[in-house]
Amino acid sequence: MGLINQKFQNLAFQKERDKIFLLLNIQLHWHHKKL
């Protein structure tokens, strides 16, 4: 059970990380557009 839980946590972490990267990319994109 622990292994499955760990895998699930990794998946959730990757999703959150992707979300953060996406937000950063959007912010950078808009920043460059303003310049």
PDB file of N, CA and C in Angstrom:
ATOM      1  N   MET A   1       0.837  -1.208   0.000  1.00  0.00           N
ATOM      2  CA  MET A   1       0.000   0.000   0.000  1.00  0.00           C
ATOM      3  C   MET A   1       0.875   1.262   0.000  1.00  0.00           C
ATOM      4  N   GLY A   2       1.972   1.203   0.718  1.00  0.00           N
ATOM      5  CA  GLY A   2       2.848   2.372   0.803  1.00  0.00           C
ATOM      6  C   GLY A   2       3.393   2.780  -0.552  1.00  0.00           C
ATOM      7  N   LEU A   3       3.726   1.774  -1.360  1.00  0.00           N
ATOM      8  CA  LEU A   3       4.312   2.057  -2.672  1.00  0.00           C
ATOM      9  C   LEU A   3       3.295   2.761  -3.574  1.00  0.00           C
ATOM     10  N   ILE A   4       2.063   2.269  -3.544  1.00  0.00           N
ATOM     11  CA  ILE A   4       1.014   2.880  -4.373  1.00  0.00           C
ATOM     12  C   ILE A   4       0.784   4.318  -3.922  1.00  0.00           C
ATOM     13  N   ASN A   5       0.763   4.516  -2.606  1.00  0.00           N
ATOM     14  CA  ASN A   5       0.558   5.860  -2.060  1.00  0.00           C
ATOM     15  C   ASN A   5       1.682   6.781  -2.512  1.00  0.00           C
ATOM     16  N   GLN A   6       2.902   6.254  -2.507  1.00  0.00           N
ATOM     17  CA  GLN A   6       4.062   7.055  -2.924  1.00  0.00           C
ATOM     18  C   GLN A   6       3.937   7.450  -4.381  1.00  0.00           C
ATOM     19  N   LYS A   7       3.534   6.495  -5.216  1.00  0.00           N
ATOM     20  CA  LYS A   7       3.369   6.775  -6.647  1.00  0.00           C
ATOM     21  C   LYS A   7       2.307   7.852  -6.844  1.00  0.00           C
ATOM     22  N   PHE A   8       1.224   7.751  -6.093  1.00  0.00           N
ATOM     23  CA  PHE A   8       0.144   8.728  -6.213  1.00  0.00           C
ATOM     24  C   PHE A   8       0.642  10.112  -5.817  1.00  0.00           C
ATOM     25  N   GLN A   9       1.426  10.172  -4.743  1.00  0.00           N
ATOM     26  CA  GLN A   9       1.972  11.453  -4.289  1.00  0.00           C
ATOM     27  C   GLN A   9       2.893  12.034  -5.355  1.00  0.00           C
ATOM     28  N   ASN A  10       3.693  11.180  -5.986  1.00  0.00           N
ATOM     29  CA  ASN A  10       4.598  11.651  -7.044  1.00  0.00           C
ATOM     30  C   ASN A  10       3.792  12.239  -8.191  1.00  0.00           C
ATOM     31  N   LEU A  11       2.705  11.563  -8.556  1.00  0.00           N
ATOM     32  CA  LEU A  11       1.855  12.046  -9.643  1.00  0.00           C
ATOM     33  C   LEU A  11       1.281  13.415  -9.286  1.00  0.00           C
ATOM     34  N   ALA A  12       0.778  13.528  -8.075  1.00  0.00           N
ATOM     35  CA  ALA A  12       0.194  14.795  -7.629  1.00  0.00           C
ATOM     36  C   ALA A  12       1.260  15.886  -7.647  1.00  0.00           C
ATOM     37  N   PHE A  13       2.464  15.523  -7.206  1.00  0.00           N
ATOM     38  CA  PHE A  13       3.559  16.499  -7.179  1.00  0.00           C
ATOM     39  C   PHE A  13       3.890  16.967  -8.587  1.00  0.00           C
ATOM     40  N   GLN A  14       3.951  16.022  -9.536  1.00  0.00           N
ATOM     41  CA  GLN A  14       4.257  16.380 -10.921  1.00  0.00           C
ATOM     42  C   GLN A  14       3.182  17.297 -11.493  1.00  0.00           C
ATOM     43  N   LYS A  15       1.937  17.013 -11.155  1.00  0.00           N
ATOM     44  CA  LYS A  15       0.829  17.853 -11.649  1.00  0.00           C
ATOM     45  C   LYS A  15       0.988  19.275 -11.122  1.00  0.00           C
ATOM     46  N   GLU A  16       1.268  19.387  -9.811  1.00  0.00           N
ATOM     47  CA  GLU A  16       1.436  20.709  -9.199  1.00  0.00           C
ATOM     48  C   GLU A  16       2.622  21.430  -9.825  1.00  0.00           C
ATOM     49  N   ARG A  17       3.718  20.677 -10.038  1.00  0.00           N
ATOM     50  CA  ARG A  17       4.923  21.261 -10.611  1.00  0.00           C
ATOM     51  C   ARG A  17       4.628  21.775 -12.027  1.00  0.00           C
ATOM     52  N   ASP A  18       3.877  20.977 -12.792  1.00  0.00           N
ATOM     53  CA  ASP A  18       3.528  21.388 -14.158  1.00  0.00           C
ATOM     54  C   ASP A  18       2.684  22.663 -14.131  1.00  0.00           C
ATOM     55  N   LYS A  19       1.781  22.711 -13.149  1.00  0.00           N
ATOM     56  CA  LYS A  19       0.916  23.883 -13.034  1.00  0.00           C
ATOM     57  C   LYS A  19       1.751  25.127 -12.753  1.00  0.00           C
ATOM     58  N   ILE A  20       2.718  24.972 -11.843  1.00  0.00           N
ATOM     59  CA  ILE A  20       3.581  26.095 -11.477  1.00  0.00           C
ATOM     60  C   ILE A  20       4.413  26.537 -12.673  1.00  0.00           C
ATOM     61  N   PHE A  21       4.960  25.556 -13.403  1.00  0.00           N
ATOM     62  CA  PHE A  21       5.755  25.889 -14.584  1.00  0.00           C
ATOM     63  C   PHE A  21       4.899  26.622 -15.609  1.00  0.00           C
ATOM     64  N   LEU A  22       3.674  26.171 -15.762  1.00  0.00           N
ATOM     65  CA  LEU A  22       2.776  26.792 -16.729  1.00  0.00           C
ATOM     66  C   LEU A  22       2.512  28.252 -16.342  1.00  0.00           C
ATOM     67  N   LEU A  23       2.253  28.476 -15.048  1.00  0.00           N
ATOM     68  CA  LEU A  23       2.008  29.837 -14.578  1.00  0.00           C
ATOM     69  C   LEU A  23       3.227  30.709 -14.793  1.00  0.00           C
ATOM     70  N   LEU A  24       4.412  30.158 -14.498  1.00  0.00           N
ATOM     71  CA  LEU A  24       5.647  30.922 -14.681  1.00  0.00           C
ATOM     72  C   LEU A  24       5.836  31.266 -16.154  1.00  0.00           C
ATOM     73  N   ASN A  25       5.581  30.306 -17.018  1.00  0.00           N
ATOM     74  CA  ASN A  25       5.739  30.543 -18.457  1.00  0.00           C
ATOM     75  C   ASN A  25       4.793  31.634 -18.929  1.00  0.00           C
ATOM     76  N   ILE A  26       3.570  31.607 -18.430  1.00  0.00           N
ATOM     77  CA  ILE A  26       2.590  32.623 -18.827  1.00  0.00           C
ATOM     78  C   ILE A  26       3.043  33.997 -18.344  1.00  0.00           C
ATOM     79  N   GLN A  27       3.527  34.053 -17.099  1.00  0.00           N
ATOM     80  CA  GLN A  27       3.992  35.328 -16.546  1.00  0.00           C
ATOM     81  C   GLN A  27       5.166  35.861 -17.351  1.00  0.00           C
ATOM     82  N   LEU A  28       6.112  34.974 -17.681  1.00  0.00           N
ATOM     83  CA  LEU A  28       7.276  35.385 -18.475  1.00  0.00           C
ATOM     84  C   LEU A  28       6.816  35.880 -19.841  1.00  0.00           C
ATOM     85  N   HIS A  29       5.867  35.164 -20.422  1.00  0.00           N
ATOM     86  CA  HIS A  29       5.364  35.513 -21.743  1.00  0.00           C
ATOM     87  C   HIS A  29       4.766  36.922 -21.722  1.00  0.00           C
ATOM     88  N   TRP A  30       3.927  37.175 -20.721  1.00  0.00           N
ATOM     89  CA  TRP A  30       3.288  38.492 -20.640  1.00  0.00           C
ATOM     90  C   TRP A  30       4.324  39.569 -20.359  1.00  0.00           C
ATOM     91  N   HIS A  31       5.318  39.230 -19.552  1.00  0.00           N
ATOM     92  CA  HIS A  31       6.369  40.194 -19.220  1.00  0.00           C
ATOM     93  C   HIS A  31       7.100  40.613 -20.493  1.00  0.00           C
ATOM     94  N   HIS A  32       7.415  39.644 -21.337  1.00  0.00           N
ATOM     95  CA  HIS A  32       8.118  39.939 -22.580  1.00  0.00           C
ATOM     96  C   HIS A  32       7.219  40.730 -23.532  1.00  0.00           C
ATOM     97  N   LYS A  33       5.938  40.443 -23.484  1.00  0.00           N
ATOM     98  CA  LYS A  33       5.011  41.160 -24.365  1.00  0.00           C
ATOM     99  C   LYS A  33       4.962  42.641 -23.984  1.00  0.00           C
ATOM    100  N   LYS A  34       5.031  42.921 -22.682  1.00  0.00           N
ATOM    101  CA  LYS A  34       5.004  44.313 -22.220  1.00  0.00           C
ATOM    102  C   LYS A  34       6.260  45.042 -22.673  1.00  0.00           C
ATOM    103  N   LEU A  35       7.381  44.321 -22.661  1.00  0.00           N
ATOM    104  CA  LEU A  35       8.643  44.926 -23.102  1.00  0.00           C
ATOM    105  C   LEU A  35       8.586  45.065 -24.614  1.00  0.00           C
TER     106      LEU A  35
END
